[in-house]
Amino acid sequence: MAVKPVPDNYPVMTPYLAISGAAEAIEFYKKAFGATERMRMGAPGDTVGHAELEIGGGLIMLADEYPDMEFRSPATLGGSPVVIHLYVEDADAFCERAVRAGAILIRPVADQFYGDRSGQLRDPFGHVWSVATHKEDLSPEELAQRAAKLHKA
């Protein structure tokens, strides 16, 4: 039987997070984001060599950082240029729960010109999450009009 190039139950693209304190991060994501742990492999020194979490039907992979392999966390690098976008049923409630669990609200949840209600969080491990609930479908013309109006203001 031929091996599939993309295994069942895996998307073709998955964020892989380097974290200083991956075991603690897994517990944070469970509490704050409602994550479900699919699997975890230990590594020397009680570190996490690889773990997989499902969040709202999506998948993230994570592990403790390994600087010798150029796998460094935002804590080590002093931040991250990457924002992980996450659609949820209720962005307000999601962000409130995450903040109660220890996330920092970077941008309050608000209605956006492009039809989403969204905000941004920084988790305690330095990763930034854009959390959104889609509220209205817009045609490309409506979106362009709203963007033009916003940029003129």
C-alpha atoms as a PDB file:
ATOM      1  CA  MET A   1       0.000   0.000   0.000  1.00  0.00           C
ATOM      2  CA  ALA A   2       1.348   3.422  -0.965  1.00  0.00           C
ATOM      3  CA  VAL A   3       2.106   5.958   1.745  1.00  0.00           C
ATOM      4  CA  LYS A   4       0.139   9.205   1.405  1.00  0.00           C
ATOM      5  CA  PRO A   5       2.298  12.317   0.980  1.00  0.00           C
ATOM      6  CA  VAL A   6       0.021  14.150   3.470  1.00  0.00           C
ATOM      7  CA  PRO A   7      -1.085  11.900   6.333  1.00  0.00           C
ATOM      8  CA  ASP A   8      -4.753  11.606   7.232  1.00  0.00           C
ATOM      9  CA  ASN A   9      -5.905  14.150   9.817  1.00  0.00           C
ATOM     10  CA  TYR A  10      -3.140  16.624   8.986  1.00  0.00           C
ATOM     11  CA  PRO A  11      -3.531  19.869   7.037  1.00  0.00           C
ATOM     12  CA  VAL A  12      -0.951  20.663   4.369  1.00  0.00           C
ATOM     13  CA  MET A  13       0.284  23.621   6.435  1.00  0.00           C
ATOM     14  CA  THR A  14       0.635  23.697  10.218  1.00  0.00           C
ATOM     15  CA  PRO A  15       2.236  26.314  12.488  1.00  0.00           C
ATOM     16  CA  TYR A  16       5.111  24.833  14.507  1.00  0.00           C
ATOM     17  CA  LEU A  17       5.882  26.849  17.631  1.00  0.00           C
ATOM     18  CA  ALA A  18       9.234  27.001  19.414  1.00  0.00           C
ATOM     19  CA  ILE A  19       8.510  27.531  23.092  1.00  0.00           C
ATOM     20  CA  SER A  20      10.607  27.999  26.186  1.00  0.00           C
ATOM     21  CA  GLY A  21       8.532  25.890  28.576  1.00  0.00           C
ATOM     22  CA  ALA A  22       6.492  23.783  26.148  1.00  0.00           C
ATOM     23  CA  ALA A  23       4.829  21.605  28.817  1.00  0.00           C
ATOM     24  CA  GLU A  24       3.579  24.739  30.576  1.00  0.00           C
ATOM     25  CA  ALA A  25       2.445  26.162  27.225  1.00  0.00           C
ATOM     26  CA  ILE A  26       0.416  23.041  26.461  1.00  0.00           C
ATOM     27  CA  GLU A  27      -1.468  23.489  29.727  1.00  0.00           C
ATOM     28  CA  PHE A  28      -1.988  27.201  28.965  1.00  0.00           C
ATOM     29  CA  TYR A  29      -3.398  26.451  25.493  1.00  0.00           C
ATOM     30  CA  LYS A  30      -5.760  23.865  26.982  1.00  0.00           C
ATOM     31  CA  LYS A  31      -7.063  26.321  29.570  1.00  0.00           C
ATOM     32  CA  ALA A  32      -7.024  29.522  27.523  1.00  0.00           C
ATOM     33  CA  PHE A  33      -7.839  28.268  24.015  1.00  0.00           C
ATOM     34  CA  GLY A  34      -9.717  25.036  24.721  1.00  0.00           C
ATOM     35  CA  ALA A  35      -6.951  23.025  23.021  1.00  0.00           C
ATOM     36  CA  THR A  36      -6.986  19.249  22.909  1.00  0.00           C
ATOM     37  CA  GLU A  37      -3.663  17.442  23.132  1.00  0.00           C
ATOM     38  CA  ARG A  38      -3.299  14.924  20.276  1.00  0.00           C
ATOM     39  CA  MET A  39       0.138  13.684  21.205  1.00  0.00           C
ATOM     40  CA  ARG A  40       3.337  14.503  23.050  1.00  0.00           C
ATOM     41  CA  MET A  41       6.855  13.074  22.816  1.00  0.00           C
ATOM     42  CA  GLY A  42       9.316  13.714  25.584  1.00  0.00           C
ATOM     43  CA  ALA A  43      12.938  14.648  25.099  1.00  0.00           C
ATOM     44  CA  PRO A  44      16.017  14.690  27.352  1.00  0.00           C
ATOM     45  CA  GLY A  45      15.857  16.903  30.420  1.00  0.00           C
ATOM     46  CA  ASP A  46      12.083  16.635  30.813  1.00  0.00           C
ATOM     47  CA  THR A  47      11.528  18.767  27.712  1.00  0.00           C
ATOM     48  CA  VAL A  48       8.936  18.354  24.991  1.00  0.00           C
ATOM     49  CA  GLY A  49      10.475  17.071  21.775  1.00  0.00           C
ATOM     50  CA  HIS A  50       7.222  17.323  19.817  1.00  0.00           C
ATOM     51  CA  ALA A  51       3.563  17.872  20.637  1.00  0.00           C
ATOM     52  CA  GLU A  52       0.387  18.384  18.643  1.00  0.00           C
ATOM     53  CA  LEU A  53      -2.666  20.341  19.757  1.00  0.00           C
ATOM     54  CA  GLU A  54      -6.042  20.805  18.129  1.00  0.00           C
ATOM     55  CA  ILE A  55      -7.669  24.188  18.555  1.00  0.00           C
ATOM     56  CA  GLY A  56     -11.127  24.640  17.088  1.00  0.00           C
ATOM     57  CA  GLY A  57     -10.516  22.111  14.330  1.00  0.00           C
ATOM     58  CA  GLY A  58      -7.067  23.497  13.519  1.00  0.00           C
ATOM     59  CA  LEU A  59      -3.691  22.028  14.383  1.00  0.00           C
ATOM     60  CA  ILE A  60      -0.526  23.473  15.887  1.00  0.00           C
ATOM     61  CA  MET A  61       2.680  21.639  16.614  1.00  0.00           C
ATOM     62  CA  LEU A  62       5.126  22.752  19.252  1.00  0.00           C
ATOM     63  CA  ALA A  63       8.282  21.794  21.094  1.00  0.00           C
ATOM     64  CA  ASP A  64      10.722  23.222  23.547  1.00  0.00           C
ATOM     65  CA  GLU A  65      13.269  25.429  21.874  1.00  0.00           C
ATOM     66  CA  TYR A  66      16.536  23.904  20.639  1.00  0.00           C
ATOM     67  CA  PRO A  67      18.981  26.769  20.006  1.00  0.00           C
ATOM     68  CA  ASP A  68      21.626  24.341  18.711  1.00  0.00           C
ATOM     69  CA  MET A  69      19.198  23.499  15.890  1.00  0.00           C
ATOM     70  CA  GLU A  70      18.270  27.174  15.252  1.00  0.00           C
ATOM     71  CA  PHE A  71      14.843  26.491  16.820  1.00  0.00           C
ATOM     72  CA  ARG A  72      14.378  29.501  19.112  1.00  0.00           C
ATOM     73  CA  SER A  73      11.344  30.812  20.948  1.00  0.00           C
ATOM     74  CA  PRO A  74      10.016  34.382  20.935  1.00  0.00           C
ATOM     75  CA  ALA A  75      11.249  34.622  24.549  1.00  0.00           C
ATOM     76  CA  THR A  76      14.815  34.016  23.358  1.00  0.00           C
ATOM     77  CA  LEU A  77      14.502  36.187  20.252  1.00  0.00           C
ATOM     78  CA  GLY A  78      12.749  39.087  21.996  1.00  0.00           C
ATOM     79  CA  GLY A  79       9.475  38.686  20.080  1.00  0.00           C
ATOM     80  CA  SER A  80       8.082  37.156  16.928  1.00  0.00           C
ATOM     81  CA  PRO A  81       7.145  38.692  13.573  1.00  0.00           C
ATOM     82  CA  VAL A  82       4.532  35.954  13.058  1.00  0.00           C
ATOM     83  CA  VAL A  83       0.858  36.320  13.959  1.00  0.00           C
ATOM     84  CA  ILE A  84      -1.298  33.189  14.077  1.00  0.00           C
ATOM     85  CA  HIS A  85      -4.854  33.887  12.900  1.00  0.00           C
ATOM     86  CA  LEU A  86      -7.623  31.920  14.575  1.00  0.00           C
ATOM     87  CA  TYR A  87     -11.343  32.034  13.712  1.00  0.00           C
ATOM     88  CA  VAL A  88     -13.646  31.255  16.653  1.00  0.00           C
ATOM     89  CA  GLU A  89     -17.378  31.344  17.396  1.00  0.00           C
ATOM     90  CA  ASP A  90     -17.105  34.317  19.782  1.00  0.00           C
ATOM     91  CA  ALA A  91     -13.937  36.422  19.662  1.00  0.00           C
ATOM     92  CA  ASP A  92     -14.944  38.469  22.704  1.00  0.00           C
ATOM     93  CA  ALA A  93     -15.509  35.435  24.952  1.00  0.00           C
ATOM     94  CA  PHE A  94     -12.401  33.682  23.601  1.00  0.00           C
ATOM     95  CA  CYS A  95     -10.157  36.673  24.331  1.00  0.00           C
ATOM     96  CA  GLU A  96     -11.675  37.188  27.782  1.00  0.00           C
ATOM     97  CA  ARG A  97     -10.942  33.537  28.673  1.00  0.00           C
ATOM     98  CA  ALA A  98      -7.391  33.777  27.303  1.00  0.00           C
ATOM     99  CA  VAL A  99      -6.674  36.953  29.296  1.00  0.00           C
ATOM    100  CA  ARG A 100      -8.001  35.325  32.481  1.00  0.00           C
ATOM    101  CA  ALA A 101      -5.594  32.434  31.793  1.00  0.00           C
ATOM    102  CA  GLY A 102      -2.592  34.768  31.397  1.00  0.00           C
ATOM    103  CA  ALA A 103      -2.577  36.140  27.842  1.00  0.00           C
ATOM    104  CA  ILE A 104      -2.018  39.856  27.257  1.00  0.00           C
ATOM    105  CA  LEU A 105      -4.556  41.739  25.147  1.00  0.00           C
ATOM    106  CA  ILE A 106      -2.559  43.648  22.524  1.00  0.00           C
ATOM    107  CA  ARG A 107      -5.479  44.965  20.469  1.00  0.00           C
ATOM    108  CA  PRO A 108      -8.994  44.950  21.956  1.00  0.00           C
ATOM    109  CA  VAL A 109     -11.697  43.028  20.129  1.00  0.00           C
ATOM    110  CA  ALA A 110     -13.601  45.344  17.773  1.00  0.00           C
ATOM    111  CA  ASP A 111     -15.563  45.277  14.537  1.00  0.00           C
ATOM    112  CA  GLN A 112     -13.266  45.569  11.522  1.00  0.00           C
ATOM    113  CA  PHE A 113     -13.952  47.111   8.111  1.00  0.00           C
ATOM    114  CA  TYR A 114     -13.390  43.759   6.385  1.00  0.00           C
ATOM    115  CA  GLY A 115     -16.323  42.057   8.130  1.00  0.00           C
ATOM    116  CA  ASP A 116     -14.666  40.381  11.094  1.00  0.00           C
ATOM    117  CA  ARG A 117     -14.790  41.173  14.797  1.00  0.00           C
ATOM    118  CA  SER A 118     -11.228  40.621  15.972  1.00  0.00           C
ATOM    119  CA  GLY A 119      -8.504  41.386  18.466  1.00  0.00           C
ATOM    120  CA  GLN A 120      -4.944  40.323  19.206  1.00  0.00           C
ATOM    121  CA  LEU A 121      -3.380  38.492  22.131  1.00  0.00           C
ATOM    122  CA  ARG A 122       0.171  37.688  23.165  1.00  0.00           C
ATOM    123  CA  ASP A 123       0.387  34.391  25.002  1.00  0.00           C
ATOM    124  CA  PRO A 124       2.722  34.064  28.003  1.00  0.00           C
ATOM    125  CA  PHE A 125       5.327  32.431  25.729  1.00  0.00           C
ATOM    126  CA  GLY A 126       5.575  35.347  23.280  1.00  0.00           C
ATOM    127  CA  HIS A 127       3.406  34.079  20.408  1.00  0.00           C
ATOM    128  CA  VAL A 128       0.862  36.528  18.980  1.00  0.00           C
ATOM    129  CA  TRP A 129      -2.648  35.397  18.069  1.00  0.00           C
ATOM    130  CA  SER A 130      -5.217  37.277  16.022  1.00  0.00           C
ATOM    131  CA  VAL A 131      -8.635  36.016  17.136  1.00  0.00           C
ATOM    132  CA  ALA A 132     -11.654  36.703  14.937  1.00  0.00           C
ATOM    133  CA  THR A 133     -15.301  35.942  14.410  1.00  0.00           C
ATOM    134  CA  HIS A 134     -16.550  36.502  10.864  1.00  0.00           C
ATOM    135  CA  LYS A 135     -19.619  38.751  11.019  1.00  0.00           C
ATOM    136  CA  GLU A 136     -20.429  39.747   7.450  1.00  0.00           C
ATOM    137  CA  ASP A 137     -19.657  38.644   3.922  1.00  0.00           C
ATOM    138  CA  LEU A 138     -18.481  41.448   1.631  1.00  0.00           C
ATOM    139  CA  SER A 139     -18.036  41.595  -2.097  1.00  0.00           C
ATOM    140  CA  PRO A 140     -14.597  42.664  -3.368  1.00  0.00           C
ATOM    141  CA  GLU A 141     -16.165  46.012  -4.324  1.00  0.00           C
ATOM    142  CA  GLU A 142     -17.601  46.593  -0.831  1.00  0.00           C
ATOM    143  CA  LEU A 143     -14.286  45.659   0.732  1.00  0.00           C
ATOM    144  CA  ALA A 144     -12.405  48.087  -1.547  1.00  0.00           C
ATOM    145  CA  GLN A 145     -14.875  50.892  -0.762  1.00  0.00           C
ATOM    146  CA  ARG A 146     -14.534  50.354   2.989  1.00  0.00           C
ATOM    147  CA  ALA A 147     -10.748  50.204   2.783  1.00  0.00           C
ATOM    148  CA  ALA A 148     -10.628  53.416   0.745  1.00  0.00           C
ATOM    149  CA  LYS A 149     -12.927  55.158   3.225  1.00  0.00           C
ATOM    150  CA  LEU A 150     -10.796  53.983   6.152  1.00  0.00           C
ATOM    151  CA  HIS A 151      -7.544  55.169   4.569  1.00  0.00           C
ATOM    152  CA  LYS A 152      -9.003  58.614   3.804  1.00  0.00           C
ATOM    153  CA  ALA A 153     -10.019  59.130   7.434  1.00  0.00           C
END
